[in-house]
């Protein structure tokens, strides 16, 4: 999960909504992969 402070920094740096959404989606996907690896069955 992306911390709210990181999202605030992205907004302050002038990131577009599309860039922020892409970062959130990428973070969620990596969370899913880490969870699968933890369960012992990677989904790459």
C-alpha atoms as a PDB file:
ATOM      1  CA  UNK A   1       0.000   0.000   0.000  1.00  0.00           C
ATOM      2  CA  UNK A   2       1.263   3.422  -0.890  1.00  0.00           C
ATOM      3  CA  UNK A   3       1.480   5.671   2.144  1.00  0.00           C
ATOM      4  CA  UNK A   4      -0.656   8.811   2.103  1.00  0.00           C
ATOM      5  CA  UNK A   5       2.491  10.908   2.476  1.00  0.00           C
ATOM      6  CA  UNK A   6       3.791   9.498  -0.812  1.00  0.00           C
ATOM      7  CA  UNK A   7       0.544  10.364  -2.558  1.00  0.00           C
ATOM      8  CA  UNK A   8       0.710  13.877  -1.103  1.00  0.00           C
ATOM      9  CA  UNK A   9       4.273  14.207  -2.393  1.00  0.00           C
ATOM     10  CA  UNK A  10       3.213  13.035  -5.841  1.00  0.00           C
ATOM     11  CA  UNK A  11       0.451  15.654  -5.923  1.00  0.00           C
ATOM     12  CA  UNK A  12       2.841  18.357  -4.685  1.00  0.00           C
ATOM     13  CA  UNK A  13       5.342  17.373  -7.384  1.00  0.00           C
ATOM     14  CA  UNK A  14       2.680  17.873 -10.030  1.00  0.00           C
ATOM     15  CA  UNK A  15       1.948  14.272 -10.955  1.00  0.00           C
ATOM     16  CA  UNK A  16      -1.147  13.804 -13.061  1.00  0.00           C
ATOM     17  CA  UNK A  17      -4.093  11.729 -11.911  1.00  0.00           C
ATOM     18  CA  UNK A  18      -3.101   9.130 -14.507  1.00  0.00           C
ATOM     19  CA  UNK A  19       0.415   8.890 -13.056  1.00  0.00           C
ATOM     20  CA  UNK A  20      -0.916   8.492  -9.526  1.00  0.00           C
ATOM     21  CA  UNK A  21      -3.389   5.809 -10.623  1.00  0.00           C
ATOM     22  CA  UNK A  22      -0.598   3.942 -12.429  1.00  0.00           C
ATOM     23  CA  UNK A  23       1.563   4.029  -9.298  1.00  0.00           C
ATOM     24  CA  UNK A  24      -1.286   2.760  -7.113  1.00  0.00           C
ATOM     25  CA  UNK A  25      -2.085  -0.064  -9.564  1.00  0.00           C
ATOM     26  CA  UNK A  26       1.574  -1.095  -9.802  1.00  0.00           C
ATOM     27  CA  UNK A  27       1.862  -1.118  -6.029  1.00  0.00           C
ATOM     28  CA  UNK A  28      -1.277  -3.259  -5.693  1.00  0.00           C
ATOM     29  CA  UNK A  29       0.054  -5.730  -8.278  1.00  0.00           C
ATOM     30  CA  UNK A  30       3.359  -6.059  -6.440  1.00  0.00           C
ATOM     31  CA  UNK A  31       1.441  -6.613  -3.188  1.00  0.00           C
ATOM     32  CA  UNK A  32      -0.443  -9.467  -4.896  1.00  0.00           C
ATOM     33  CA  UNK A  33       2.813 -11.060  -6.079  1.00  0.00           C
ATOM     34  CA  UNK A  34       4.378 -10.782  -2.617  1.00  0.00           C
ATOM     35  CA  UNK A  35       1.306 -12.377  -1.038  1.00  0.00           C
ATOM     36  CA  UNK A  36       1.411 -15.248  -3.537  1.00  0.00           C
ATOM     37  CA  UNK A  37       5.127 -15.772  -2.908  1.00  0.00           C
ATOM     38  CA  UNK A  38       4.441 -15.840   0.806  1.00  0.00           C
ATOM     39  CA  UNK A  39       1.867 -18.588   0.247  1.00  0.00           C
ATOM     40  CA  UNK A  40       4.446 -20.484  -1.789  1.00  0.00           C
ATOM     41  CA  UNK A  41       2.936 -20.171  -5.222  1.00  0.00           C
ATOM     42  CA  UNK A  42       4.204 -17.276  -7.233  1.00  0.00           C
ATOM     43  CA  UNK A  43       1.961 -15.793  -9.917  1.00  0.00           C
ATOM     44  CA  UNK A  44       4.439 -13.908 -12.102  1.00  0.00           C
END
